[in-house]
PDB file of N, CA and C in Angstrom:
ATOM      1  N   MET A   1       7.065  -8.420 -18.688  1.00  0.00           N
ATOM      2  CA  MET A   1       7.390  -9.380 -19.691  1.00  0.00           C
ATOM      3  C   MET A   1       7.586 -10.764 -19.072  1.00  0.00           C
ATOM      4  N   ALA A   2       8.259 -10.808 -17.924  1.00  0.00           N
ATOM      5  CA  ALA A   2       8.488 -12.099 -17.267  1.00  0.00           C
ATOM      6  C   ALA A   2       7.169 -12.745 -16.878  1.00  0.00           C
ATOM      7  N   HIS A   3       6.209 -11.928 -16.471  1.00  0.00           N
ATOM      8  CA  HIS A   3       4.896 -12.454 -16.101  1.00  0.00           C
ATOM      9  C   HIS A   3       4.233 -13.116 -17.305  1.00  0.00           C
ATOM     10  N   LEU A   4       4.275 -12.474 -18.453  1.00  0.00           N
ATOM     11  CA  LEU A   4       3.659 -13.019 -19.654  1.00  0.00           C
ATOM     12  C   LEU A   4       4.345 -14.306 -20.116  1.00  0.00           C
ATOM     13  N   ALA A   5       5.633 -14.405 -19.868  1.00  0.00           N
ATOM     14  CA  ALA A   5       6.382 -15.597 -20.257  1.00  0.00           C
ATOM     15  C   ALA A   5       6.254 -16.717 -19.230  1.00  0.00           C
ATOM     16  N   GLY A   6       5.607 -16.424 -18.104  1.00  0.00           N
ATOM     17  CA  GLY A   6       5.453 -17.429 -17.061  1.00  0.00           C
ATOM     18  C   GLY A   6       6.682 -17.588 -16.189  1.00  0.00           C
ATOM     19  N   LEU A   7       7.582 -16.625 -16.250  1.00  0.00           N
ATOM     20  CA  LEU A   7       8.816 -16.719 -15.487  1.00  0.00           C
ATOM     21  C   LEU A   7       8.763 -15.952 -14.171  1.00  0.00           C
ATOM     22  N   ALA A   8       7.777 -15.110 -14.013  1.00  0.00           N
ATOM     23  CA  ALA A   8       7.679 -14.301 -12.800  1.00  0.00           C
ATOM     24  C   ALA A   8       7.260 -15.164 -11.624  1.00  0.00           C
ATOM     25  N   ARG A   9       7.742 -14.798 -10.459  1.00  0.00           N
ATOM     26  CA  ARG A   9       7.373 -15.506  -9.241  1.00  0.00           C
ATOM     27  C   ARG A   9       5.890 -15.272  -8.979  1.00  0.00           C
ATOM     28  N   HIS A  10       5.159 -16.333  -8.760  1.00  0.00           N
ATOM     29  CA  HIS A  10       3.722 -16.245  -8.528  1.00  0.00           C
ATOM     30  C   HIS A  10       3.448 -16.176  -7.030  1.00  0.00           C
ATOM     31  N   HIS A  11       2.719 -15.181  -6.615  1.00  0.00           N
ATOM     32  CA  HIS A  11       2.368 -15.046  -5.200  1.00  0.00           C
ATOM     33  C   HIS A  11       1.030 -15.721  -4.968  1.00  0.00           C
ATOM     34  N   ASP A  12       1.051 -16.832  -4.278  1.00  0.00           N
ATOM     35  CA  ASP A  12      -0.169 -17.588  -4.015  1.00  0.00           C
ATOM     36  C   ASP A  12      -0.640 -17.284  -2.601  1.00  0.00           C
ATOM     37  N   TRP A  13      -1.128 -16.075  -2.402  1.00  0.00           N
ATOM     38  CA  TRP A  13      -1.558 -15.677  -1.075  1.00  0.00           C
ATOM     39  C   TRP A  13      -3.071 -15.611  -0.969  1.00  0.00           C
ATOM     40  N   SER A  14      -3.779 -15.984  -2.005  1.00  0.00           N
ATOM     41  CA  SER A  14      -5.225 -15.818  -2.006  1.00  0.00           C
ATOM     42  C   SER A  14      -5.931 -16.698  -0.972  1.00  0.00           C
ATOM     43  N   ALA A  15      -5.471 -17.925  -0.746  1.00  0.00           N
ATOM     44  CA  ALA A  15      -6.141 -18.810   0.209  1.00  0.00           C
ATOM     45  C   ALA A  15      -6.086 -18.230   1.612  1.00  0.00           C
ATOM     46  N   GLU A  16      -4.922 -17.816   2.051  1.00  0.00           N
ATOM     47  CA  GLU A  16      -4.801 -17.234   3.384  1.00  0.00           C
ATOM     48  C   GLU A  16      -5.516 -15.896   3.475  1.00  0.00           C
ATOM     49  N   ALA A  17      -5.474 -15.129   2.400  1.00  0.00           N
ATOM     50  CA  ALA A  17      -6.149 -13.837   2.387  1.00  0.00           C
ATOM     51  C   ALA A  17      -7.656 -14.011   2.518  1.00  0.00           C
ATOM     52  N   HIS A  18      -8.200 -15.086   1.956  1.00  0.00           N
ATOM     53  CA  HIS A  18      -9.640 -15.340   2.075  1.00  0.00           C
ATOM     54  C   HIS A  18     -10.006 -15.879   3.462  1.00  0.00           C
ATOM     55  N   ARG A  19      -9.131 -16.666   4.037  1.00  0.00           N
ATOM     56  CA  ARG A  19      -9.397 -17.261   5.348  1.00  0.00           C
ATOM     57  C   ARG A  19      -9.409 -16.185   6.448  1.00  0.00           C
ATOM     58  N   ASP A  20      -8.401 -15.336   6.454  1.00  0.00           N
ATOM     59  CA  ASP A  20      -8.281 -14.274   7.461  1.00  0.00           C
ATOM     60  C   ASP A  20      -7.646 -13.057   6.789  1.00  0.00           C
ATOM     61  N   PRO A  21      -8.429 -12.300   6.042  1.00  0.00           N
ATOM     62  CA  PRO A  21      -7.842 -11.205   5.260  1.00  0.00           C
ATOM     63  C   PRO A  21      -7.138 -10.145   6.101  1.00  0.00           C
ATOM     64  N   VAL A  22      -7.710  -9.803   7.245  1.00  0.00           N
ATOM     65  CA  VAL A  22      -7.088  -8.773   8.078  1.00  0.00           C
ATOM     66  C   VAL A  22      -5.777  -9.290   8.671  1.00  0.00           C
ATOM     67  N   GLY A  23      -5.776 -10.515   9.159  1.00  0.00           N
ATOM     68  CA  GLY A  23      -4.552 -11.103   9.697  1.00  0.00           C
ATOM     69  C   GLY A  23      -3.470 -11.209   8.642  1.00  0.00           C
ATOM     70  N   TRP A  24      -3.876 -11.618   7.433  1.00  0.00           N
ATOM     71  CA  TRP A  24      -2.927 -11.715   6.325  1.00  0.00           C
ATOM     72  C   TRP A  24      -2.345 -10.342   6.003  1.00  0.00           C
ATOM     73  N   ALA A  25      -3.208  -9.343   5.914  1.00  0.00           N
ATOM     74  CA  ALA A  25      -2.759  -7.988   5.569  1.00  0.00           C
ATOM     75  C   ALA A  25      -1.835  -7.426   6.642  1.00  0.00           C
ATOM     76  N   LEU A  26      -2.150  -7.659   7.901  1.00  0.00           N
ATOM     77  CA  LEU A  26      -1.287  -7.196   8.986  1.00  0.00           C
ATOM     78  C   LEU A  26       0.081  -7.861   8.910  1.00  0.00           C
ATOM     79  N   ALA A  27       0.103  -9.151   8.569  1.00  0.00           N
ATOM     80  CA  ALA A  27       1.371  -9.873   8.448  1.00  0.00           C
ATOM     81  C   ALA A  27       2.181  -9.368   7.256  1.00  0.00           C
ATOM     82  N   VAL A  28       1.522  -9.116   6.129  1.00  0.00           N
ATOM     83  CA  VAL A  28       2.217  -8.634   4.934  1.00  0.00           C
ATOM     84  C   VAL A  28       2.878  -7.290   5.210  1.00  0.00           C
ATOM     85  N   LEU A  29       2.179  -6.424   5.915  1.00  0.00           N
ATOM     86  CA  LEU A  29       2.726  -5.109   6.230  1.00  0.00           C
ATOM     87  C   LEU A  29       3.530  -5.116   7.536  1.00  0.00           C
ATOM     88  N   ASP A  30       3.674  -6.300   8.128  1.00  0.00           N
ATOM     89  CA  ASP A  30       4.425  -6.480   9.372  1.00  0.00           C
ATOM     90  C   ASP A  30       3.920  -5.540  10.472  1.00  0.00           C
ATOM     91  N   LEU A  31       2.602  -5.516  10.608  1.00  0.00           N
ATOM     92  CA  LEU A  31       1.960  -4.679  11.629  1.00  0.00           C
ATOM     93  C   LEU A  31       1.221  -5.521  12.666  1.00  0.00           C
ATOM     94  N   HIS A  32       1.441  -6.827  12.680  1.00  0.00           N
ATOM     95  CA  HIS A  32       0.682  -7.734  13.530  1.00  0.00           C
ATOM     96  C   HIS A  32       1.255  -7.882  14.933  1.00  0.00           C
ATOM     97  N   ARG A  33       2.372  -7.287  15.225  1.00  0.00           N
ATOM     98  CA  ARG A  33       3.042  -7.496  16.505  1.00  0.00           C
ATOM     99  C   ARG A  33       2.369  -6.827  17.691  1.00  0.00           C
ATOM    100  N   SER A  34       1.759  -5.695  17.517  1.00  0.00           N
ATOM    101  CA  SER A  34       1.246  -4.921  18.651  1.00  0.00           C
ATOM    102  C   SER A  34      -0.013  -5.511  19.278  1.00  0.00           C
ATOM    103  N   GLY A  35      -0.749  -6.336  18.540  1.00  0.00           N
ATOM    104  CA  GLY A  35      -1.984  -6.889  19.072  1.00  0.00           C
ATOM    105  C   GLY A  35      -3.186  -5.990  18.823  1.00  0.00           C
ATOM    106  N   GLU A  36      -2.947  -4.714  18.572  1.00  0.00           N
ATOM    107  CA  GLU A  36      -4.020  -3.775  18.264  1.00  0.00           C
ATOM    108  C   GLU A  36      -3.982  -3.459  16.778  1.00  0.00           C
ATOM    109  N   ARG A  37      -5.142  -3.193  16.229  1.00  0.00           N
ATOM    110  CA  ARG A  37      -5.195  -2.828  14.818  1.00  0.00           C
ATOM    111  C   ARG A  37      -4.643  -1.417  14.648  1.00  0.00           C
ATOM    112  N   PRO A  38      -3.699  -1.232  13.735  1.00  0.00           N
ATOM    113  CA  PRO A  38      -3.084   0.084  13.556  1.00  0.00           C
ATOM    114  C   PRO A  38      -4.038   1.069  12.895  1.00  0.00           C
ATOM    115  N   GLY A  39      -3.770   2.337  13.101  1.00  0.00           N
ATOM    116  CA  GLY A  39      -4.570   3.387  12.488  1.00  0.00           C
ATOM    117  C   GLY A  39      -4.185   3.621  11.035  1.00  0.00           C
ATOM    118  N   ARG A  40      -4.973   4.430  10.377  1.00  0.00           N
ATOM    119  CA  ARG A  40      -4.775   4.744   8.958  1.00  0.00           C
ATOM    120  C   ARG A  40      -3.374   5.290   8.682  1.00  0.00           C
ATOM    121  N   ARG A  41      -2.927   6.185   9.510  1.00  0.00           N
ATOM    122  CA  ARG A  41      -1.611   6.805   9.323  1.00  0.00           C
ATOM    123  C   ARG A  41      -0.488   5.766   9.417  1.00  0.00           C
ATOM    124  N   ALA A  42      -0.559   4.859  10.382  1.00  0.00           N
ATOM    125  CA  ALA A  42       0.461   3.810  10.540  1.00  0.00           C
ATOM    126  C   ALA A  42       0.455   2.853   9.352  1.00  0.00           C
ATOM    127  N   ILE A  43      -0.727   2.533   8.860  1.00  0.00           N
ATOM    128  CA  ILE A  43      -0.845   1.648   7.696  1.00  0.00           C
ATOM    129  C   ILE A  43      -0.203   2.305   6.482  1.00  0.00           C
ATOM    130  N   GLN A  44      -0.544   3.559   6.230  1.00  0.00           N
ATOM    131  CA  GLN A  44      -0.002   4.279   5.077  1.00  0.00           C
ATOM    132  C   GLN A  44       1.526   4.414   5.167  1.00  0.00           C
ATOM    133  N   ARG A  45       2.011   4.737   6.363  1.00  0.00           N
ATOM    134  CA  ARG A  45       3.452   4.928   6.555  1.00  0.00           C
ATOM    135  C   ARG A  45       4.198   3.620   6.291  1.00  0.00           C
ATOM    136  N   ARG A  46       3.697   2.513   6.845  1.00  0.00           N
ATOM    137  CA  ARG A  46       4.355   1.217   6.651  1.00  0.00           C
ATOM    138  C   ARG A  46       4.285   0.785   5.185  1.00  0.00           C
ATOM    139  N   PHE A  47       3.138   1.012   4.546  1.00  0.00           N
ATOM    140  CA  PHE A  47       2.980   0.696   3.131  1.00  0.00           C
ATOM    141  C   PHE A  47       4.028   1.434   2.300  1.00  0.00           C
ATOM    142  N   ARG A  48       4.168   2.730   2.513  1.00  0.00           N
ATOM    143  CA  ARG A  48       5.133   3.528   1.754  1.00  0.00           C
ATOM    144  C   ARG A  48       6.565   3.042   1.981  1.00  0.00           C
ATOM    145  N   ASP A  49       6.909   2.710   3.222  1.00  0.00           N
ATOM    146  CA  ASP A  49       8.251   2.214   3.522  1.00  0.00           C
ATOM    147  C   ASP A  49       8.537   0.904   2.790  1.00  0.00           C
ATOM    148  N   LEU A  50       7.571  -0.018   2.810  1.00  0.00           N
ATOM    149  CA  LEU A  50       7.770  -1.313   2.169  1.00  0.00           C
ATOM    150  C   LEU A  50       7.767  -1.205   0.643  1.00  0.00           C
ATOM    151  N   VAL A  51       6.949  -0.310   0.097  1.00  0.00           N
ATOM    152  CA  VAL A  51       6.953  -0.093  -1.351  1.00  0.00           C
ATOM    153  C   VAL A  51       8.312   0.446  -1.787  1.00  0.00           C
ATOM    154  N   ARG A  52       8.849   1.359  -1.017  1.00  0.00           N
ATOM    155  CA  ARG A  52      10.160   1.918  -1.336  1.00  0.00           C
ATOM    156  C   ARG A  52      11.218   0.811  -1.339  1.00  0.00           C
ATOM    157  N   GLU A  53      11.186  -0.074  -0.332  1.00  0.00           N
ATOM    158  CA  GLU A  53      12.152  -1.176  -0.260  1.00  0.00           C
ATOM    159  C   GLU A  53      12.002  -2.138  -1.432  1.00  0.00           C
ATOM    160  N   ALA A  54      10.774  -2.386  -1.859  1.00  0.00           N
ATOM    161  CA  ALA A  54      10.508  -3.361  -2.918  1.00  0.00           C
ATOM    162  C   ALA A  54      10.762  -2.801  -4.314  1.00  0.00           C
ATOM    163  N   HIS A  55      10.748  -1.500  -4.460  1.00  0.00           N
ATOM    164  CA  HIS A  55      10.880  -0.888  -5.782  1.00  0.00           C
ATOM    165  C   HIS A  55      12.292  -1.063  -6.322  1.00  0.00           C
ATOM    166  N   PRO A  56      12.412  -1.483  -7.582  1.00  0.00           N
ATOM    167  CA  PRO A  56      13.738  -1.690  -8.181  1.00  0.00           C
ATOM    168  C   PRO A  56      14.638  -0.462  -8.164  1.00  0.00           C
ATOM    169  N   ASP A  57      14.078   0.718  -8.223  1.00  0.00           N
ATOM    170  CA  ASP A  57      14.885   1.936  -8.191  1.00  0.00           C
ATOM    171  C   ASP A  57      15.541   2.164  -6.830  1.00  0.00           C
ATOM    172  N   HIS A  58      15.066   1.439  -5.820  1.00  0.00           N
ATOM    173  CA  HIS A  58      15.609   1.575  -4.473  1.00  0.00           C
ATOM    174  C   HIS A  58      16.226   0.272  -3.983  1.00  0.00           C
ATOM    175  N   GLY A  59      16.618  -0.591  -4.908  1.00  0.00           N
ATOM    176  CA  GLY A  59      17.326  -1.802  -4.536  1.00  0.00           C
ATOM    177  C   GLY A  59      16.497  -3.068  -4.504  1.00  0.00           C
ATOM    178  N   GLY A  60      15.197  -2.976  -4.777  1.00  0.00           N
ATOM    179  CA  GLY A  60      14.349  -4.156  -4.794  1.00  0.00           C
ATOM    180  C   GLY A  60      14.643  -5.039  -5.989  1.00  0.00           C
ATOM    181  N   ASP A  61      14.305  -6.297  -5.887  1.00  0.00           N
ATOM    182  CA  ASP A  61      14.525  -7.270  -6.965  1.00  0.00           C
ATOM    183  C   ASP A  61      13.574  -6.968  -8.126  1.00  0.00           C
ATOM    184  N   ARG A  62      14.115  -6.728  -9.283  1.00  0.00           N
ATOM    185  CA  ARG A  62      13.306  -6.393 -10.468  1.00  0.00           C
ATOM    186  C   ARG A  62      12.320  -7.491 -10.824  1.00  0.00           C
ATOM    187  N   ASP A  63      12.726  -8.739 -10.676  1.00  0.00           N
ATOM    188  CA  ASP A  63      11.868  -9.855 -11.057  1.00  0.00           C
ATOM    189  C   ASP A  63      10.687 -10.044 -10.102  1.00  0.00           C
ATOM    190  N   GLU A  64      10.832  -9.627  -8.876  1.00  0.00           N
ATOM    191  CA  GLU A  64       9.781  -9.833  -7.884  1.00  0.00           C
ATOM    192  C   GLU A  64       9.012  -8.565  -7.546  1.00  0.00           C
ATOM    193  N   ALA A  65       9.427  -7.435  -8.069  1.00  0.00           N
ATOM    194  CA  ALA A  65       8.850  -6.150  -7.679  1.00  0.00           C
ATOM    195  C   ALA A  65       7.347  -6.065  -7.952  1.00  0.00           C
ATOM    196  N   ALA A  66       6.910  -6.445  -9.124  1.00  0.00           N
ATOM    197  CA  ALA A  66       5.485  -6.300  -9.467  1.00  0.00           C
ATOM    198  C   ALA A  66       4.608  -7.122  -8.534  1.00  0.00           C
ATOM    199  N   GLY A  67       4.995  -8.351  -8.267  1.00  0.00           N
ATOM    200  CA  GLY A  67       4.216  -9.198  -7.363  1.00  0.00           C
ATOM    201  C   GLY A  67       4.202  -8.661  -5.949  1.00  0.00           C
ATOM    202  N   ARG A  68       5.347  -8.199  -5.484  1.00  0.00           N
ATOM    203  CA  ARG A  68       5.431  -7.660  -4.120  1.00  0.00           C
ATOM    204  C   ARG A  68       4.611  -6.379  -4.001  1.00  0.00           C
ATOM    205  N   LEU A  69       4.679  -5.527  -4.995  1.00  0.00           N
ATOM    206  CA  LEU A  69       3.904  -4.284  -4.950  1.00  0.00           C
ATOM    207  C   LEU A  69       2.410  -4.574  -4.979  1.00  0.00           C
ATOM    208  N   ALA A  70       1.993  -5.566  -5.744  1.00  0.00           N
ATOM    209  CA  ALA A  70       0.580  -5.957  -5.773  1.00  0.00           C
ATOM    210  C   ALA A  70       0.151  -6.502  -4.419  1.00  0.00           C
ATOM    211  N   GLU A  71       1.004  -7.302  -3.806  1.00  0.00           N
ATOM    212  CA  GLU A  71       0.711  -7.864  -2.488  1.00  0.00           C
ATOM    213  C   GLU A  71       0.572  -6.759  -1.437  1.00  0.00           C
ATOM    214  N   LEU A  72       1.485  -5.815  -1.447  1.00  0.00           N
ATOM    215  CA  LEU A  72       1.431  -4.697  -0.503  1.00  0.00           C
ATOM    216  C   LEU A  72       0.189  -3.838  -0.727  1.00  0.00           C
ATOM    217  N   SER A  73      -0.146  -3.594  -1.981  1.00  0.00           N
ATOM    218  CA  SER A  73      -1.335  -2.787  -2.294  1.00  0.00           C
ATOM    219  C   SER A  73      -2.611  -3.468  -1.821  1.00  0.00           C
ATOM    220  N   GLU A  74      -2.698  -4.768  -2.009  1.00  0.00           N
ATOM    221  CA  GLU A  74      -3.879  -5.515  -1.563  1.00  0.00           C
ATOM    222  C   GLU A  74      -3.980  -5.490  -0.041  1.00  0.00           C
ATOM    223  N   ALA A  75      -2.857  -5.646   0.633  1.00  0.00           N
ATOM    224  CA  ALA A  75      -2.865  -5.607   2.103  1.00  0.00           C
ATOM    225  C   ALA A  75      -3.340  -4.235   2.592  1.00  0.00           C
ATOM    226  N   ARG A  76      -2.838  -3.189   1.980  1.00  0.00           N
ATOM    227  CA  ARG A  76      -3.274  -1.834   2.373  1.00  0.00           C
ATOM    228  C   ARG A  76      -4.759  -1.651   2.116  1.00  0.00           C
ATOM    229  N   ARG A  77      -5.234  -2.113   0.971  1.00  0.00           N
ATOM    230  CA  ARG A  77      -6.654  -1.973   0.636  1.00  0.00           C
ATOM    231  C   ARG A  77      -7.529  -2.670   1.674  1.00  0.00           C
ATOM    232  N   ILE A  78      -7.149  -3.865   2.073  1.00  0.00           N
ATOM    233  CA  ILE A  78      -7.917  -4.614   3.060  1.00  0.00           C
ATOM    234  C   ILE A  78      -7.976  -3.881   4.382  1.00  0.00           C
ATOM    235  N   LEU A  79      -6.839  -3.384   4.841  1.00  0.00           N
ATOM    236  CA  LEU A  79      -6.800  -2.712   6.149  1.00  0.00           C
ATOM    237  C   LEU A  79      -7.512  -1.358   6.148  1.00  0.00           C
ATOM    238  N   LEU A  80      -7.449  -0.648   5.037  1.00  0.00           N
ATOM    239  CA  LEU A  80      -8.102   0.659   4.994  1.00  0.00           C
ATOM    240  C   LEU A  80      -9.599   0.556   4.719  1.00  0.00           C
ATOM    241  N   ALA A  81     -10.039  -0.584   4.216  1.00  0.00           N
ATOM    242  CA  ALA A  81     -11.471  -0.767   3.928  1.00  0.00           C
ATOM    243  C   ALA A  81     -12.263  -1.061   5.191  1.00  0.00           C
ATOM    244  N   GLY A  82     -11.623  -1.629   6.190  1.00  0.00           N
ATOM    245  CA  GLY A  82     -12.347  -2.074   7.381  1.00  0.00           C
ATOM    246  C   GLY A  82     -12.323  -1.186   8.503  1.00  0.00           C
TER     247      GLY A  82
END
């Protein structure tokens, strides 16, 4: 509802995602520290942990949850596609 009313926080990550999608996705999932690209299992595990943190049922901010979950899903999609 907040999104439809224009009150939801807008995630403007598309420019950086287009410039360096893998780097952006690694940063979103906080997997960029090792210098090596993580495997499928590490990506999935980190995605699940961050989704749990962002979900309102587990203490995440209700107003920002949808945007954060979309951001995390896009980051996972990018990393698992390549």
